[in-house]
């Protein structure tokens, strides 16, 4: 598909609108949070510092602004579906930030995030395609019921995987930025090589990149803002929704392998969905030297971070750098999958 100058400009604005919204809206919002006492301890600092939280409402508003711009620019129902997905995930997340939902309640409520895509697909048939595209092997046969059930189940799985990657300064913002770039790369290739695949599927993915990049300026080490569950669950649900509408499921799964492994390790070690605030022991602890160590207690959950620290203590900044490198490698593999799937 040849990309005209006008379309390129609209795609660029789909990225810039949410980016600017975060950069402009976050500072005054964080000031209001601090004045209202809405701060949490950054427990990985010595002594602990106070960080405003949750920043999720600004991230939500920015994401919605980007999606609405994409809707106005391209006139497809795909951005409206993402508005619905984003809103439901944010509402679940902000409820958890304010009232602390149970470890099993959140996954059940996040199933609702799939509803906008499933409902609007009845009005726009190309909203998503019920097939899986594999590199070299090609597409599976279409099966609407099985695919839709798997898509619905993906929302709580992916959203909670993102939520579990939100533990250290800059971790969630770096993770979301990298995997969303891998997602956009895959959707871009599909847009270029698949006839009839609408640009709206690409435009709808760009706000996630813009929001993640904007948030990185405030969330990177040393963090000036934490997103809260309202941010991390929203990020995960958006990623799941974009994966479905973009038809890049295999490449997207490869990109978030570190989060999937982290989620699997954690859930298997604590034997099910347990609210992390209620876990008996922390997977890491801060030593007197300011470095992070893996907890030796057997009751502590097994996380990706804990496994990394078993190789030796690290400062928080270096630990997050290790995670970023791991995610970057998985995203490069994802890009390779996208190339093999769409360009060959």
C-alpha atoms as a PDB file:
ATOM      1  CA  UNK A   1       0.000   0.000   0.000  1.00  0.00           C
ATOM      2  CA  UNK A   2       1.440   3.367  -1.042  1.00  0.00           C
ATOM      3  CA  UNK A   3       1.374   5.886   1.804  1.00  0.00           C
ATOM      4  CA  UNK A   4       0.406   9.399   0.713  1.00  0.00           C
ATOM      5  CA  UNK A   5       1.653  12.584   2.342  1.00  0.00           C
ATOM      6  CA  UNK A   6      -1.751  13.324   3.884  1.00  0.00           C
ATOM      7  CA  UNK A   7      -2.036   9.844   5.400  1.00  0.00           C
ATOM      8  CA  UNK A   8       1.523  10.074   6.748  1.00  0.00           C
ATOM      9  CA  UNK A   9       0.643  13.368   8.412  1.00  0.00           C
ATOM     10  CA  UNK A  10      -2.477  11.899  10.015  1.00  0.00           C
ATOM     11  CA  UNK A  11      -0.535   8.889  11.291  1.00  0.00           C
ATOM     12  CA  UNK A  12       2.105  11.189  12.759  1.00  0.00           C
ATOM     13  CA  UNK A  13      -0.561  13.197  14.563  1.00  0.00           C
ATOM     14  CA  UNK A  14      -2.090   9.985  15.934  1.00  0.00           C
ATOM     15  CA  UNK A  15       1.245   9.533  17.693  1.00  0.00           C
ATOM     16  CA  UNK A  16       1.932  13.165  18.593  1.00  0.00           C
ATOM     17  CA  UNK A  17      -1.482  14.041  20.078  1.00  0.00           C
ATOM     18  CA  UNK A  18      -1.232  11.573  23.002  1.00  0.00           C
ATOM     19  CA  UNK A  19       2.495  12.235  23.437  1.00  0.00           C
ATOM     20  CA  UNK A  20       1.949  15.976  23.844  1.00  0.00           C
ATOM     21  CA  UNK A  21      -1.092  15.378  26.046  1.00  0.00           C
ATOM     22  CA  UNK A  22       1.039  13.387  28.508  1.00  0.00           C
ATOM     23  CA  UNK A  23       3.944  15.854  28.470  1.00  0.00           C
ATOM     24  CA  UNK A  24       1.637  18.837  29.027  1.00  0.00           C
ATOM     25  CA  UNK A  25      -0.918  17.289  31.352  1.00  0.00           C
ATOM     26  CA  UNK A  26       1.296  15.264  33.659  1.00  0.00           C
ATOM     27  CA  UNK A  27       3.199  18.016  35.583  1.00  0.00           C
ATOM     28  CA  UNK A  28       0.153  19.912  36.904  1.00  0.00           C
ATOM     29  CA  UNK A  29      -1.651  16.652  37.642  1.00  0.00           C
ATOM     30  CA  UNK A  30       1.305  15.326  39.650  1.00  0.00           C
ATOM     31  CA  UNK A  31       1.364  18.593  41.585  1.00  0.00           C
ATOM     32  CA  UNK A  32      -2.283  18.149  42.519  1.00  0.00           C
ATOM     33  CA  UNK A  33      -1.653  14.558  43.600  1.00  0.00           C
ATOM     34  CA  UNK A  34       1.241  15.655  45.816  1.00  0.00           C
ATOM     35  CA  UNK A  35      -0.793  18.448  47.425  1.00  0.00           C
ATOM     36  CA  UNK A  36      -3.645  16.015  48.072  1.00  0.00           C
ATOM     37  CA  UNK A  37      -1.275  13.523  49.690  1.00  0.00           C
ATOM     38  CA  UNK A  38      -1.805  10.924  46.960  1.00  0.00           C
ATOM     39  CA  UNK A  39       1.749   9.623  47.157  1.00  0.00           C
ATOM     40  CA  UNK A  40       3.260   6.184  47.731  1.00  0.00           C
ATOM     41  CA  UNK A  41       6.629   5.066  49.059  1.00  0.00           C
ATOM     42  CA  UNK A  42       9.290   4.181  46.524  1.00  0.00           C
ATOM     43  CA  UNK A  43      10.504   1.290  48.665  1.00  0.00           C
ATOM     44  CA  UNK A  44      13.541   0.617  46.496  1.00  0.00           C
ATOM     45  CA  UNK A  45      15.204   3.833  47.659  1.00  0.00           C
ATOM     46  CA  UNK A  46      17.053   4.415  50.907  1.00  0.00           C
ATOM     47  CA  UNK A  47      15.446   6.270  52.580  1.00  0.00           C
ATOM     48  CA  UNK A  48      12.124   5.693  50.767  1.00  0.00           C
ATOM     49  CA  UNK A  49      10.974   8.640  48.669  1.00  0.00           C
ATOM     50  CA  UNK A  50       7.393   9.771  48.088  1.00  0.00           C
ATOM     51  CA  UNK A  51       6.112   9.463  44.520  1.00  0.00           C
ATOM     52  CA  UNK A  52       2.710  10.726  43.262  1.00  0.00           C
ATOM     53  CA  UNK A  53       0.366   7.920  42.199  1.00  0.00           C
ATOM     54  CA  UNK A  54      -1.697   6.982  40.265  1.00  0.00           C
ATOM     55  CA  UNK A  55      -0.774   8.733  37.024  1.00  0.00           C
ATOM     56  CA  UNK A  56      -3.241   6.498  35.190  1.00  0.00           C
ATOM     57  CA  UNK A  57      -5.921   9.204  34.673  1.00  0.00           C
ATOM     58  CA  UNK A  58      -3.580  11.372  32.570  1.00  0.00           C
ATOM     59  CA  UNK A  59      -2.388   8.348  30.587  1.00  0.00           C
ATOM     60  CA  UNK A  60      -6.005   7.366  29.998  1.00  0.00           C
ATOM     61  CA  UNK A  61      -7.032  10.845  28.850  1.00  0.00           C
ATOM     62  CA  UNK A  62      -4.062  11.016  26.477  1.00  0.00           C
ATOM     63  CA  UNK A  63      -4.790   7.573  25.013  1.00  0.00           C
ATOM     64  CA  UNK A  64      -8.446   8.463  24.456  1.00  0.00           C
ATOM     65  CA  UNK A  65      -7.432  11.722  22.756  1.00  0.00           C
ATOM     66  CA  UNK A  66      -5.186   9.798  20.372  1.00  0.00           C
ATOM     67  CA  UNK A  67      -7.836   7.205  19.565  1.00  0.00           C
ATOM     68  CA  UNK A  68     -10.523   9.821  18.967  1.00  0.00           C
ATOM     69  CA  UNK A  69      -8.187  11.678  16.634  1.00  0.00           C
ATOM     70  CA  UNK A  70      -7.602   8.428  14.723  1.00  0.00           C
ATOM     71  CA  UNK A  71     -11.369   7.941  14.485  1.00  0.00           C
ATOM     72  CA  UNK A  72     -11.923  11.440  13.099  1.00  0.00           C
ATOM     73  CA  UNK A  73      -8.974  11.071  10.706  1.00  0.00           C
ATOM     74  CA  UNK A  74      -9.817   7.642   9.280  1.00  0.00           C
ATOM     75  CA  UNK A  75     -13.515   7.145  10.025  1.00  0.00           C
ATOM     76  CA  UNK A  76     -13.216   3.483  11.007  1.00  0.00           C
ATOM     77  CA  UNK A  77     -14.802   1.795  14.014  1.00  0.00           C
ATOM     78  CA  UNK A  78     -11.420   0.335  15.033  1.00  0.00           C
ATOM     79  CA  UNK A  79     -10.423   3.421  17.083  1.00  0.00           C
ATOM     80  CA  UNK A  80     -13.836   3.448  18.760  1.00  0.00           C
ATOM     81  CA  UNK A  81     -13.349  -0.194  19.719  1.00  0.00           C
ATOM     82  CA  UNK A  82     -10.038   0.772  21.317  1.00  0.00           C
ATOM     83  CA  UNK A  83     -11.712   3.651  23.156  1.00  0.00           C
ATOM     84  CA  UNK A  84     -14.060   1.094  24.696  1.00  0.00           C
ATOM     85  CA  UNK A  85     -11.239  -1.335  25.551  1.00  0.00           C
ATOM     86  CA  UNK A  86      -9.162   1.441  27.112  1.00  0.00           C
ATOM     87  CA  UNK A  87     -12.070   2.815  29.135  1.00  0.00           C
ATOM     88  CA  UNK A  88     -13.081  -0.539  30.632  1.00  0.00           C
ATOM     89  CA  UNK A  89      -9.513  -1.471  31.572  1.00  0.00           C
ATOM     90  CA  UNK A  90      -8.923   1.968  33.094  1.00  0.00           C
ATOM     91  CA  UNK A  91     -12.104   1.788  35.174  1.00  0.00           C
ATOM     92  CA  UNK A  92     -11.060  -1.621  36.543  1.00  0.00           C
ATOM     93  CA  UNK A  93      -7.580  -0.282  37.262  1.00  0.00           C
ATOM     94  CA  UNK A  94      -8.654   2.924  38.980  1.00  0.00           C
ATOM     95  CA  UNK A  95     -11.101   0.926  41.106  1.00  0.00           C
ATOM     96  CA  UNK A  96      -8.179  -1.234  42.190  1.00  0.00           C
ATOM     97  CA  UNK A  97      -6.050   1.848  42.895  1.00  0.00           C
ATOM     98  CA  UNK A  98      -8.755   3.348  45.095  1.00  0.00           C
ATOM     99  CA  UNK A  99     -10.405   0.315  46.700  1.00  0.00           C
ATOM    100  CA  UNK A 100      -8.026  -2.674  46.126  1.00  0.00           C
ATOM    101  CA  UNK A 101      -9.903  -5.351  44.196  1.00  0.00           C
ATOM    102  CA  UNK A 102      -9.298  -9.017  44.906  1.00  0.00           C
ATOM    103  CA  UNK A 103      -6.742 -11.037  42.994  1.00  0.00           C
ATOM    104  CA  UNK A 104      -9.527 -12.998  41.269  1.00  0.00           C
ATOM    105  CA  UNK A 105     -11.903 -10.078  40.777  1.00  0.00           C
ATOM    106  CA  UNK A 106      -9.618  -8.121  38.444  1.00  0.00           C
ATOM    107  CA  UNK A 107      -9.191 -10.913  35.863  1.00  0.00           C
ATOM    108  CA  UNK A 108     -12.941 -11.493  35.766  1.00  0.00           C
ATOM    109  CA  UNK A 109     -13.710  -7.810  35.264  1.00  0.00           C
ATOM    110  CA  UNK A 110     -11.023  -7.507  32.593  1.00  0.00           C
ATOM    111  CA  UNK A 111     -12.891 -10.048  30.476  1.00  0.00           C
ATOM    112  CA  UNK A 112     -15.325  -7.197  29.816  1.00  0.00           C
ATOM    113  CA  UNK A 113     -12.583  -5.270  27.981  1.00  0.00           C
ATOM    114  CA  UNK A 114     -13.094  -7.538  24.972  1.00  0.00           C
ATOM    115  CA  UNK A 115     -16.752  -6.516  24.636  1.00  0.00           C
ATOM    116  CA  UNK A 116     -16.235  -3.375  22.487  1.00  0.00           C
ATOM    117  CA  UNK A 117     -14.257  -5.319  19.876  1.00  0.00           C
ATOM    118  CA  UNK A 118     -16.697  -8.235  19.774  1.00  0.00           C
ATOM    119  CA  UNK A 119     -19.759  -5.964  19.578  1.00  0.00           C
ATOM    120  CA  UNK A 120     -18.410  -3.488  17.002  1.00  0.00           C
ATOM    121  CA  UNK A 121     -17.174  -6.342  14.799  1.00  0.00           C
ATOM    122  CA  UNK A 122     -20.847  -6.930  13.959  1.00  0.00           C
ATOM    123  CA  UNK A 123     -20.933  -3.484  12.317  1.00  0.00           C
ATOM    124  CA  UNK A 124     -17.486  -3.489  10.695  1.00  0.00           C
ATOM    125  CA  UNK A 125     -16.566  -6.924   9.380  1.00  0.00           C
ATOM    126  CA  UNK A 126     -12.835  -6.199   8.995  1.00  0.00           C
ATOM    127  CA  UNK A 127     -12.455  -5.018  12.586  1.00  0.00           C
ATOM    128  CA  UNK A 128     -10.554  -8.236  13.210  1.00  0.00           C
ATOM    129  CA  UNK A 129      -9.895 -11.404  11.254  1.00  0.00           C
ATOM    130  CA  UNK A 130     -10.499 -14.708  13.139  1.00  0.00           C
ATOM    131  CA  UNK A 131      -7.314 -16.399  11.919  1.00  0.00           C
ATOM    132  CA  UNK A 132      -3.732 -16.709  13.164  1.00  0.00           C
ATOM    133  CA  UNK A 133      -0.949 -15.757  10.745  1.00  0.00           C
ATOM    134  CA  UNK A 134       2.213 -17.845  11.169  1.00  0.00           C
ATOM    135  CA  UNK A 135       5.541 -17.178   9.472  1.00  0.00           C
ATOM    136  CA  UNK A 136       6.271 -19.494   6.519  1.00  0.00           C
ATOM    137  CA  UNK A 137       3.310 -21.772   7.383  1.00  0.00           C
ATOM    138  CA  UNK A 138       0.696 -19.160   6.488  1.00  0.00           C
ATOM    139  CA  UNK A 139      -2.753 -18.520   7.961  1.00  0.00           C
ATOM    140  CA  UNK A 140      -4.915 -20.924   9.876  1.00  0.00           C
ATOM    141  CA  UNK A 141      -8.460 -21.578   8.741  1.00  0.00           C
ATOM    142  CA  UNK A 142     -10.914 -18.958  10.046  1.00  0.00           C
ATOM    143  CA  UNK A 143     -12.931 -19.979  13.088  1.00  0.00           C
ATOM    144  CA  UNK A 144     -14.918 -17.134  14.574  1.00  0.00           C
ATOM    145  CA  UNK A 145     -16.124 -18.820  17.790  1.00  0.00           C
ATOM    146  CA  UNK A 146     -12.817 -20.354  18.894  1.00  0.00           C
ATOM    147  CA  UNK A 147     -10.827 -17.249  17.958  1.00  0.00           C
ATOM    148  CA  UNK A 148     -13.256 -14.933  19.761  1.00  0.00           C
ATOM    149  CA  UNK A 149     -13.146 -17.032  22.944  1.00  0.00           C
ATOM    150  CA  UNK A 150      -9.345 -16.982  22.886  1.00  0.00           C
ATOM    151  CA  UNK A 151      -9.371 -13.234  22.234  1.00  0.00           C
ATOM    152  CA  UNK A 152     -11.656 -12.601  25.211  1.00  0.00           C
ATOM    153  CA  UNK A 153      -9.430 -14.716  27.471  1.00  0.00           C
ATOM    154  CA  UNK A 154      -6.351 -12.803  26.282  1.00  0.00           C
ATOM    155  CA  UNK A 155      -7.396  -9.538  27.917  1.00  0.00           C
ATOM    156  CA  UNK A 156      -7.026 -10.502  31.602  1.00  0.00           C
ATOM    157  CA  UNK A 157      -3.925 -12.575  30.809  1.00  0.00           C
ATOM    158  CA  UNK A 158      -2.091  -9.820  28.958  1.00  0.00           C
ATOM    159  CA  UNK A 159      -3.290  -6.994  31.211  1.00  0.00           C
ATOM    160  CA  UNK A 160      -2.135  -8.815  34.347  1.00  0.00           C
ATOM    161  CA  UNK A 161       1.170  -9.679  32.658  1.00  0.00           C
ATOM    162  CA  UNK A 162       1.758  -5.953  32.102  1.00  0.00           C
ATOM    163  CA  UNK A 163       0.696  -5.224  35.680  1.00  0.00           C
ATOM    164  CA  UNK A 164       3.272  -7.677  37.010  1.00  0.00           C
ATOM    165  CA  UNK A 165       5.999  -5.888  35.038  1.00  0.00           C
ATOM    166  CA  UNK A 166       5.334  -2.704  37.005  1.00  0.00           C
ATOM    167  CA  UNK A 167       7.675  -2.936  39.985  1.00  0.00           C
ATOM    168  CA  UNK A 168      10.674  -0.642  39.491  1.00  0.00           C
ATOM    169  CA  UNK A 169      11.449   2.844  38.220  1.00  0.00           C
ATOM    170  CA  UNK A 170      10.890   2.962  34.472  1.00  0.00           C
ATOM    171  CA  UNK A 171      10.153  -0.744  34.109  1.00  0.00           C
ATOM    172  CA  UNK A 172       6.544  -0.494  32.876  1.00  0.00           C
ATOM    173  CA  UNK A 173       7.138   2.546  30.655  1.00  0.00           C
ATOM    174  CA  UNK A 174      10.206   1.014  28.963  1.00  0.00           C
ATOM    175  CA  UNK A 175       8.432  -2.315  28.575  1.00  0.00           C
ATOM    176  CA  UNK A 176       5.279  -0.787  27.084  1.00  0.00           C
ATOM    177  CA  UNK A 177       7.244   1.454  24.729  1.00  0.00           C
ATOM    178  CA  UNK A 178       9.389  -1.370  23.345  1.00  0.00           C
ATOM    179  CA  UNK A 179       6.604  -3.920  22.866  1.00  0.00           C
ATOM    180  CA  UNK A 180       4.280  -1.316  21.340  1.00  0.00           C
ATOM    181  CA  UNK A 181       7.005  -0.409  18.825  1.00  0.00           C
ATOM    182  CA  UNK A 182       7.292  -4.104  17.922  1.00  0.00           C
ATOM    183  CA  UNK A 183       3.513  -4.205  17.550  1.00  0.00           C
ATOM    184  CA  UNK A 184       3.463  -1.138  15.291  1.00  0.00           C
ATOM    185  CA  UNK A 185       6.243  -2.625  13.175  1.00  0.00           C
ATOM    186  CA  UNK A 186       4.228  -5.787  12.593  1.00  0.00           C
ATOM    187  CA  UNK A 187       1.036  -3.884  11.794  1.00  0.00           C
ATOM    188  CA  UNK A 188       2.978  -1.589   9.438  1.00  0.00           C
ATOM    189  CA  UNK A 189       4.255  -4.580   7.481  1.00  0.00           C
ATOM    190  CA  UNK A 190       0.794  -6.074   7.285  1.00  0.00           C
ATOM    191  CA  UNK A 191      -0.582  -2.725   6.097  1.00  0.00           C
ATOM    192  CA  UNK A 192       2.103  -2.552   3.402  1.00  0.00           C
ATOM    193  CA  UNK A 193       1.817  -6.115   2.109  1.00  0.00           C
ATOM    194  CA  UNK A 194      -1.832  -7.124   2.615  1.00  0.00           C
ATOM    195  CA  UNK A 195      -4.233  -5.657   0.108  1.00  0.00           C
ATOM    196  CA  UNK A 196      -7.284  -4.003   1.619  1.00  0.00           C
ATOM    197  CA  UNK A 197      -5.880  -3.789   5.161  1.00  0.00           C
ATOM    198  CA  UNK A 198      -6.983  -0.374   6.390  1.00  0.00           C
ATOM    199  CA  UNK A 199      -4.589   2.304   7.659  1.00  0.00           C
ATOM    200  CA  UNK A 200      -6.913   2.703  10.638  1.00  0.00           C
ATOM    201  CA  UNK A 201      -5.406  -0.483  12.110  1.00  0.00           C
ATOM    202  CA  UNK A 202      -2.019   1.241  12.132  1.00  0.00           C
ATOM    203  CA  UNK A 203      -3.325   4.614  13.307  1.00  0.00           C
ATOM    204  CA  UNK A 204      -5.065   3.021  16.272  1.00  0.00           C
ATOM    205  CA  UNK A 205      -1.780   1.498  17.505  1.00  0.00           C
ATOM    206  CA  UNK A 206       0.247   4.717  17.482  1.00  0.00           C
ATOM    207  CA  UNK A 207      -1.399   6.339  20.565  1.00  0.00           C
ATOM    208  CA  UNK A 208      -0.040   3.539  22.758  1.00  0.00           C
ATOM    209  CA  UNK A 209       3.489   4.370  21.581  1.00  0.00           C
ATOM    210  CA  UNK A 210       2.913   8.076  22.202  1.00  0.00           C
ATOM    211  CA  UNK A 211       1.516   7.578  25.709  1.00  0.00           C
ATOM    212  CA  UNK A 212       4.304   5.154  26.692  1.00  0.00           C
ATOM    213  CA  UNK A 213       7.025   7.498  25.407  1.00  0.00           C
ATOM    214  CA  UNK A 214       5.497  10.475  27.189  1.00  0.00           C
ATOM    215  CA  UNK A 215       5.167   8.545  30.443  1.00  0.00           C
ATOM    216  CA  UNK A 216       8.793   7.398  30.207  1.00  0.00           C
ATOM    217  CA  UNK A 217       9.919  10.976  30.847  1.00  0.00           C
ATOM    218  CA  UNK A 218       8.201  10.883  34.255  1.00  0.00           C
ATOM    219  CA  UNK A 219       8.554   7.198  35.153  1.00  0.00           C
ATOM    220  CA  UNK A 220      12.223   6.588  34.299  1.00  0.00           C
ATOM    221  CA  UNK A 221      14.785   6.438  37.090  1.00  0.00           C
ATOM    222  CA  UNK A 222      14.386   8.263  39.421  1.00  0.00           C
ATOM    223  CA  UNK A 223      10.620   8.117  39.001  1.00  0.00           C
ATOM    224  CA  UNK A 224       8.545  11.246  39.444  1.00  0.00           C
ATOM    225  CA  UNK A 225       5.295   9.334  38.833  1.00  0.00           C
ATOM    226  CA  UNK A 226       3.893   5.840  39.201  1.00  0.00           C
ATOM    227  CA  UNK A 227       1.063   4.791  36.908  1.00  0.00           C
ATOM    228  CA  UNK A 228      -0.814   2.571  39.347  1.00  0.00           C
ATOM    229  CA  UNK A 229      -2.974  -0.330  38.202  1.00  0.00           C
ATOM    230  CA  UNK A 230      -5.082   2.155  36.246  1.00  0.00           C
ATOM    231  CA  UNK A 231      -2.079   2.677  33.986  1.00  0.00           C
ATOM    232  CA  UNK A 232      -0.552  -0.786  33.765  1.00  0.00           C
ATOM    233  CA  UNK A 233      -3.856  -2.629  33.233  1.00  0.00           C
ATOM    234  CA  UNK A 234      -4.840  -0.082  30.605  1.00  0.00           C
ATOM    235  CA  UNK A 235      -1.509  -0.564  28.809  1.00  0.00           C
ATOM    236  CA  UNK A 236      -1.962  -4.334  28.791  1.00  0.00           C
ATOM    237  CA  UNK A 237      -5.572  -4.239  27.600  1.00  0.00           C
ATOM    238  CA  UNK A 238      -4.678  -1.799  24.818  1.00  0.00           C
ATOM    239  CA  UNK A 239      -1.852  -4.072  23.713  1.00  0.00           C
ATOM    240  CA  UNK A 240      -4.199  -7.081  23.651  1.00  0.00           C
ATOM    241  CA  UNK A 241      -6.835  -5.166  21.699  1.00  0.00           C
ATOM    242  CA  UNK A 242      -4.323  -3.848  19.173  1.00  0.00           C
ATOM    243  CA  UNK A 243      -2.912  -7.334  18.711  1.00  0.00           C
ATOM    244  CA  UNK A 244      -6.372  -8.627  17.800  1.00  0.00           C
ATOM    245  CA  UNK A 245      -7.405  -5.773  15.509  1.00  0.00           C
ATOM    246  CA  UNK A 246      -3.951  -5.690  13.917  1.00  0.00           C
ATOM    247  CA  UNK A 247      -3.872  -9.447  13.305  1.00  0.00           C
ATOM    248  CA  UNK A 248      -0.288  -9.790  14.580  1.00  0.00           C
ATOM    249  CA  UNK A 249      -0.929 -12.260  17.385  1.00  0.00           C
ATOM    250  CA  UNK A 250       2.163 -14.456  16.955  1.00  0.00           C
ATOM    251  CA  UNK A 251       4.623 -11.564  16.698  1.00  0.00           C
ATOM    252  CA  UNK A 252       2.977  -9.811  19.658  1.00  0.00           C
ATOM    253  CA  UNK A 253       3.226 -12.911  21.818  1.00  0.00           C
ATOM    254  CA  UNK A 254       6.960 -13.168  21.072  1.00  0.00           C
ATOM    255  CA  UNK A 255       7.443  -9.502  22.020  1.00  0.00           C
ATOM    256  CA  UNK A 256       5.946  -9.966  25.503  1.00  0.00           C
ATOM    257  CA  UNK A 257       7.607 -13.305  26.292  1.00  0.00           C
ATOM    258  CA  UNK A 258       9.459 -11.788  29.310  1.00  0.00           C
ATOM    259  CA  UNK A 259       6.136 -10.627  30.777  1.00  0.00           C
ATOM    260  CA  UNK A 260       4.486 -13.975  30.061  1.00  0.00           C
ATOM    261  CA  UNK A 261       7.324 -15.846  31.771  1.00  0.00           C
ATOM    262  CA  UNK A 262       7.260 -13.445  34.715  1.00  0.00           C
ATOM    263  CA  UNK A 263       3.509 -13.938  35.082  1.00  0.00           C
ATOM    264  CA  UNK A 264       3.818 -17.727  34.799  1.00  0.00           C
ATOM    265  CA  UNK A 265       6.618 -17.893  37.380  1.00  0.00           C
ATOM    266  CA  UNK A 266       4.690 -15.697  39.804  1.00  0.00           C
ATOM    267  CA  UNK A 267       1.306 -17.413  39.493  1.00  0.00           C
ATOM    268  CA  UNK A 268       2.808 -20.901  39.700  1.00  0.00           C
ATOM    269  CA  UNK A 269       4.847 -20.037  42.791  1.00  0.00           C
ATOM    270  CA  UNK A 270       1.888 -18.518  44.681  1.00  0.00           C
ATOM    271  CA  UNK A 271      -0.561 -21.086  43.250  1.00  0.00           C
ATOM    272  CA  UNK A 272      -3.072 -18.831  41.579  1.00  0.00           C
ATOM    273  CA  UNK A 273      -4.256 -15.239  41.390  1.00  0.00           C
ATOM    274  CA  UNK A 274      -3.222 -13.476  44.582  1.00  0.00           C
ATOM    275  CA  UNK A 275      -3.339  -9.704  45.049  1.00  0.00           C
ATOM    276  CA  UNK A 276       0.333  -8.681  45.196  1.00  0.00           C
ATOM    277  CA  UNK A 277      -0.303  -6.384  48.150  1.00  0.00           C
ATOM    278  CA  UNK A 278      -1.322  -9.513  50.111  1.00  0.00           C
ATOM    279  CA  UNK A 279       1.649 -11.722  49.253  1.00  0.00           C
ATOM    280  CA  UNK A 280       3.409 -12.879  52.389  1.00  0.00           C
ATOM    281  CA  UNK A 281       6.970 -12.109  51.375  1.00  0.00           C
ATOM    282  CA  UNK A 282       8.517  -9.818  48.793  1.00  0.00           C
ATOM    283  CA  UNK A 283      10.596 -11.378  45.996  1.00  0.00           C
ATOM    284  CA  UNK A 284      13.398  -8.849  46.536  1.00  0.00           C
ATOM    285  CA  UNK A 285      14.753  -6.692  49.329  1.00  0.00           C
ATOM    286  CA  UNK A 286      16.890  -3.575  49.517  1.00  0.00           C
ATOM    287  CA  UNK A 287      20.232  -4.076  51.212  1.00  0.00           C
ATOM    288  CA  UNK A 288      22.073  -1.601  53.415  1.00  0.00           C
ATOM    289  CA  UNK A 289      24.378  -0.918  50.468  1.00  0.00           C
ATOM    290  CA  UNK A 290      21.441   0.358  48.389  1.00  0.00           C
ATOM    291  CA  UNK A 291      21.458  -2.680  46.096  1.00  0.00           C
ATOM    292  CA  UNK A 292      18.610  -5.101  45.480  1.00  0.00           C
ATOM    293  CA  UNK A 293      18.892  -8.753  46.485  1.00  0.00           C
ATOM    294  CA  UNK A 294      16.803 -11.840  45.788  1.00  0.00           C
ATOM    295  CA  UNK A 295      14.771 -12.909  48.808  1.00  0.00           C
ATOM    296  CA  UNK A 296      15.848 -16.256  50.230  1.00  0.00           C
ATOM    297  CA  UNK A 297      12.469 -17.044  51.808  1.00  0.00           C
ATOM    298  CA  UNK A 298      10.762 -20.007  50.143  1.00  0.00           C
ATOM    299  CA  UNK A 299       7.345 -18.363  50.530  1.00  0.00           C
ATOM    300  CA  UNK A 300       8.349 -15.410  48.347  1.00  0.00           C
ATOM    301  CA  UNK A 301       6.938 -15.422  44.812  1.00  0.00           C
ATOM    302  CA  UNK A 302       9.278 -16.418  41.996  1.00  0.00           C
ATOM    303  CA  UNK A 303       9.484 -13.489  39.599  1.00  0.00           C
ATOM    304  CA  UNK A 304      11.651 -12.650  36.614  1.00  0.00           C
ATOM    305  CA  UNK A 305      13.383  -9.965  38.701  1.00  0.00           C
ATOM    306  CA  UNK A 306      14.104 -12.423  41.495  1.00  0.00           C
ATOM    307  CA  UNK A 307      15.624 -14.876  39.012  1.00  0.00           C
ATOM    308  CA  UNK A 308      17.848 -12.124  37.590  1.00  0.00           C
ATOM    309  CA  UNK A 309      19.015 -11.147  41.084  1.00  0.00           C
ATOM    310  CA  UNK A 310      19.918 -14.741  41.929  1.00  0.00           C
ATOM    311  CA  UNK A 311      22.932 -14.085  39.708  1.00  0.00           C
ATOM    312  CA  UNK A 312      24.028 -11.268  42.006  1.00  0.00           C
ATOM    313  CA  UNK A 313      22.756  -8.074  43.641  1.00  0.00           C
ATOM    314  CA  UNK A 314      22.212  -5.012  41.460  1.00  0.00           C
ATOM    315  CA  UNK A 315      21.296  -1.369  41.850  1.00  0.00           C
ATOM    316  CA  UNK A 316      17.775  -0.563  40.694  1.00  0.00           C
ATOM    317  CA  UNK A 317      18.878   1.351  37.613  1.00  0.00           C
ATOM    318  CA  UNK A 318      21.094  -1.516  36.454  1.00  0.00           C
ATOM    319  CA  UNK A 319      18.391  -4.074  37.198  1.00  0.00           C
ATOM    320  CA  UNK A 320      15.862  -2.246  35.029  1.00  0.00           C
ATOM    321  CA  UNK A 321      18.510  -1.981  32.306  1.00  0.00           C
ATOM    322  CA  UNK A 322      18.835  -5.788  32.382  1.00  0.00           C
ATOM    323  CA  UNK A 323      15.075  -6.139  31.951  1.00  0.00           C
ATOM    324  CA  UNK A 324      15.050  -3.603  29.107  1.00  0.00           C
ATOM    325  CA  UNK A 325      17.785  -5.517  27.270  1.00  0.00           C
ATOM    326  CA  UNK A 326      15.844  -8.751  27.678  1.00  0.00           C
ATOM    327  CA  UNK A 327      12.656  -7.133  26.355  1.00  0.00           C
ATOM    328  CA  UNK A 328      14.550  -5.513  23.481  1.00  0.00           C
ATOM    329  CA  UNK A 329      15.839  -8.925  22.396  1.00  0.00           C
ATOM    330  CA  UNK A 330      12.329 -10.368  22.450  1.00  0.00           C
ATOM    331  CA  UNK A 331      11.106  -7.391  20.396  1.00  0.00           C
ATOM    332  CA  UNK A 332      13.843  -7.953  17.809  1.00  0.00           C
ATOM    333  CA  UNK A 333      12.718 -11.573  17.564  1.00  0.00           C
ATOM    334  CA  UNK A 334       9.150 -10.316  17.181  1.00  0.00           C
ATOM    335  CA  UNK A 335      10.263  -8.046  14.340  1.00  0.00           C
ATOM    336  CA  UNK A 336      11.868 -11.037  12.639  1.00  0.00           C
ATOM    337  CA  UNK A 337       8.616 -12.976  12.954  1.00  0.00           C
ATOM    338  CA  UNK A 338       6.726 -10.058  11.413  1.00  0.00           C
ATOM    339  CA  UNK A 339       9.147  -9.888   8.480  1.00  0.00           C
ATOM    340  CA  UNK A 340       8.859 -13.632   7.846  1.00  0.00           C
ATOM    341  CA  UNK A 341       5.065 -13.452   8.109  1.00  0.00           C
ATOM    342  CA  UNK A 342       4.294 -10.432   5.944  1.00  0.00           C
ATOM    343  CA  UNK A 343       7.304  -9.623   3.780  1.00  0.00           C
ATOM    344  CA  UNK A 344       7.986 -13.151   2.459  1.00  0.00           C
END
